[in-house]
Amino acid sequence: MEKKQIHIKSQATAKATKSEELTGKTANIGEFAFGKENYRLMLIGLAFIVVGFLLMIGGGSADPTQFNPEVFSFRRITLAPILILAGYVIEIFAIMKRPKD
């Protein structure tokens, strides 16, 4: 009977020290998830995305029966989507980058 009680007590203390280790390692109370550099990169990525969408604007015609070849310009077909994709890549990088301690 005494052996069971001693074994149970040792397991309880082992669990307590293990949980203290985990909370000590993972809990950074009072710190933000992102640093200044992360937020700066996020704003840069957002600017790329907004500029890309702004470059896609326009090219329509006042008369729906009239064709406007400006719809297929380099700016709308190639440049704007590249900027948007680059903006999303920058956003992902900004989220995944660890802040400096």
Protein backbone atom coordinates (compact mmCIF):
# COMPACT_ATOMS: atom_id res chain seq x y z
CA MET A 1 0.00 0.00 0.00
CA GLU A 2 2.79 2.40 0.88
CA LYS A 3 4.58 1.68 -2.38
CA LYS A 4 1.48 2.73 -4.36
CA GLN A 5 1.19 5.99 -2.43
CA ILE A 6 4.87 6.81 -2.95
CA HIS A 7 4.59 5.99 -6.67
CA ILE A 8 1.50 8.18 -7.04
CA LYS A 9 3.19 11.09 -5.25
CA SER A 10 6.29 10.86 -7.45
CA GLN A 11 4.12 10.86 -10.60
CA ALA A 12 2.24 13.91 -9.36
CA THR A 13 5.44 15.86 -8.71
CA ALA A 14 6.85 14.81 -12.09
CA LYS A 15 3.71 16.09 -13.81
CA ALA A 16 3.87 19.35 -11.87
CA THR A 17 7.48 20.02 -12.82
CA LYS A 18 6.77 19.11 -16.44
CA SER A 19 3.84 21.55 -16.62
CA GLU A 20 5.95 24.26 -14.96
CA GLU A 21 8.64 23.73 -17.61
CA LEU A 22 6.11 24.01 -20.42
CA THR A 23 4.51 27.15 -19.09
CA GLY A 24 7.89 28.71 -18.44
CA LYS A 25 9.05 28.05 -22.00
CA THR A 26 5.91 29.01 -23.89
CA ALA A 27 4.40 31.83 -21.86
CA ASN A 28 5.89 35.20 -22.78
CA ILE A 29 3.47 37.37 -20.90
CA GLY A 30 3.41 41.00 -21.97
CA GLU A 31 5.09 40.49 -25.34
CA PHE A 32 3.49 41.02 -28.74
CA ALA A 33 3.41 38.26 -31.33
CA PHE A 34 4.94 40.53 -33.99
CA GLY A 35 7.77 43.01 -33.82
CA LYS A 36 8.16 46.38 -35.52
CA GLU A 37 9.77 44.83 -38.56
CA ASN A 38 6.87 42.40 -38.99
CA TYR A 39 4.33 45.24 -39.02
CA ARG A 40 6.46 47.25 -41.42
CA LEU A 41 6.64 44.29 -43.81
CA MET A 42 2.90 43.77 -43.50
CA LEU A 43 2.25 47.40 -44.48
CA ILE A 44 4.63 47.09 -47.44
CA GLY A 45 2.82 43.93 -48.58
CA LEU A 46 -0.54 45.66 -48.22
CA ALA A 47 0.74 48.59 -50.28
CA PHE A 48 1.83 46.19 -53.06
CA ILE A 49 -1.62 44.59 -53.08
CA VAL A 50 -3.45 47.94 -53.18
CA VAL A 51 -1.22 49.29 -55.96
CA GLY A 52 -1.77 46.10 -57.95
CA PHE A 53 -5.54 46.42 -57.72
CA LEU A 54 -5.37 50.13 -58.57
CA LEU A 55 -3.38 49.31 -61.70
CA MET A 56 -6.19 47.00 -62.84
CA ILE A 57 -8.80 49.77 -62.70
CA GLY A 58 -10.15 51.26 -65.91
CA GLY A 59 -9.88 50.34 -69.54
CA GLY A 60 -13.61 50.12 -70.04
CA SER A 61 -15.62 51.82 -72.72
CA ALA A 62 -18.53 54.23 -72.35
CA ASP A 63 -20.37 52.36 -75.11
CA PRO A 64 -20.78 48.62 -74.39
CA THR A 65 -20.87 47.81 -78.11
CA GLN A 66 -17.48 49.49 -78.66
CA PHE A 67 -14.34 47.41 -77.98
CA ASN A 68 -11.48 49.07 -76.14
CA PRO A 69 -8.11 47.27 -76.64
CA GLU A 70 -6.77 49.05 -73.53
CA VAL A 71 -8.35 46.23 -71.48
CA PHE A 72 -5.51 43.93 -72.58
CA SER A 73 -2.63 46.29 -71.79
CA PHE A 74 0.61 45.09 -70.21
CA ARG A 75 -0.23 47.02 -67.07
CA ARG A 76 -3.54 45.22 -66.45
CA ILE A 77 -2.67 41.74 -67.68
CA THR A 78 0.90 41.31 -66.41
CA LEU A 79 2.15 44.02 -64.06
CA ALA A 80 -0.85 44.26 -61.71
CA PRO A 81 -1.16 40.50 -61.00
CA ILE A 82 2.60 40.24 -60.39
CA LEU A 83 2.39 43.08 -57.85
CA ILE A 84 -0.59 41.46 -56.12
CA LEU A 85 1.15 38.09 -55.87
CA ALA A 86 4.32 39.76 -54.60
CA GLY A 87 2.23 41.53 -51.97
CA TYR A 88 0.76 38.25 -50.76
CA VAL A 89 4.22 36.66 -50.61
CA ILE A 90 5.47 39.60 -48.55
CA GLU A 91 2.47 39.23 -46.22
CA ILE A 92 3.16 35.54 -45.67
CA PHE A 93 6.83 36.29 -45.04
CA ALA A 94 5.92 39.05 -42.57
CA ILE A 95 3.66 36.69 -40.63
CA MET A 96 6.14 33.81 -40.56
CA LYS A 97 9.24 35.89 -39.69
CA ARG A 98 10.25 35.65 -36.05
CA PRO A 99 10.79 38.99 -34.34
CA LYS A 100 14.26 39.70 -33.00
CA ASP A 101 14.54 39.41 -29.21
